[in-house]
Amino acid sequence: MTTMTAEPSRARAVLSNEDFKLLQEAVLFYLKAHEDDPISSKYSNLYHRLGSAGRR
């Protein structure tokens, strides 16, 4: 008896490069409005990660 195994389908990108750019702009807007917020460093890191992800 032969068992057929289907190969998994290729993963599709959930976000486009344009989506990364839009998200990066929104995070930058938030950063400028909340500069003194202690959590802003996490948003700053997210901003930079979005920039590098958008260039891939």
Protein backbone atom coordinates (compact mmCIF):
# COMPACT_ATOMS: atom_id res chain seq x y z
CA MET A 1 0.00 0.00 0.00
CA THR A 2 1.38 3.41 -0.99
CA THR A 3 0.67 6.46 1.13
CA MET A 4 0.51 9.77 -0.69
CA THR A 5 1.59 12.78 1.30
CA ALA A 6 0.83 16.17 -0.10
CA GLU A 7 3.52 18.76 0.19
CA PRO A 8 2.49 21.78 2.24
CA SER A 9 1.47 24.74 0.18
CA ARG A 10 3.84 27.65 0.02
CA ALA A 11 3.28 30.31 2.67
CA ARG A 12 1.92 33.61 1.41
CA ALA A 13 3.10 36.94 2.72
CA VAL A 14 0.52 38.47 5.01
CA LEU A 15 1.80 42.03 4.69
CA SER A 16 3.12 43.80 1.61
CA ASN A 17 6.11 46.13 1.52
CA GLU A 18 3.65 49.03 1.31
CA ASP A 19 1.95 47.77 4.50
CA PHE A 20 5.29 47.86 6.34
CA LYS A 21 5.85 51.45 5.19
CA LEU A 22 2.37 52.49 6.37
CA LEU A 23 2.87 50.83 9.74
CA GLN A 24 6.27 52.47 10.10
CA GLU A 25 4.74 55.90 9.41
CA ALA A 26 2.01 55.26 12.01
CA VAL A 27 4.57 54.22 14.62
CA LEU A 28 6.66 57.32 13.85
CA PHE A 29 3.56 59.50 14.34
CA TYR A 30 2.98 57.81 17.72
CA LEU A 31 6.63 58.29 18.71
CA LYS A 32 6.52 62.01 17.97
CA ALA A 33 3.31 62.42 20.00
CA HIS A 34 4.56 60.37 22.99
CA GLU A 35 8.26 61.18 23.23
CA ASP A 36 8.26 61.24 27.04
CA ASP A 37 6.41 57.94 27.46
CA PRO A 38 8.65 55.25 29.03
CA ILE A 39 7.34 52.65 26.56
CA SER A 40 8.43 54.77 23.59
CA SER A 41 11.73 52.87 23.38
CA LYS A 42 9.79 49.73 22.47
CA TYR A 43 8.00 51.66 19.72
CA SER A 44 11.32 53.00 18.52
CA ASN A 45 12.65 49.45 18.20
CA LEU A 46 9.47 48.45 16.34
CA TYR A 47 9.91 51.41 14.00
CA HIS A 48 13.40 50.23 13.06
CA ARG A 49 12.33 46.59 12.66
CA LEU A 50 9.52 47.65 10.33
CA GLY A 51 12.01 49.60 8.25
CA SER A 52 14.32 46.64 7.84
CA ALA A 53 11.41 44.28 7.12
CA GLY A 54 10.08 46.57 4.42
CA ARG A 55 13.40 46.43 2.55
CA ARG A 56 13.38 42.65 2.19
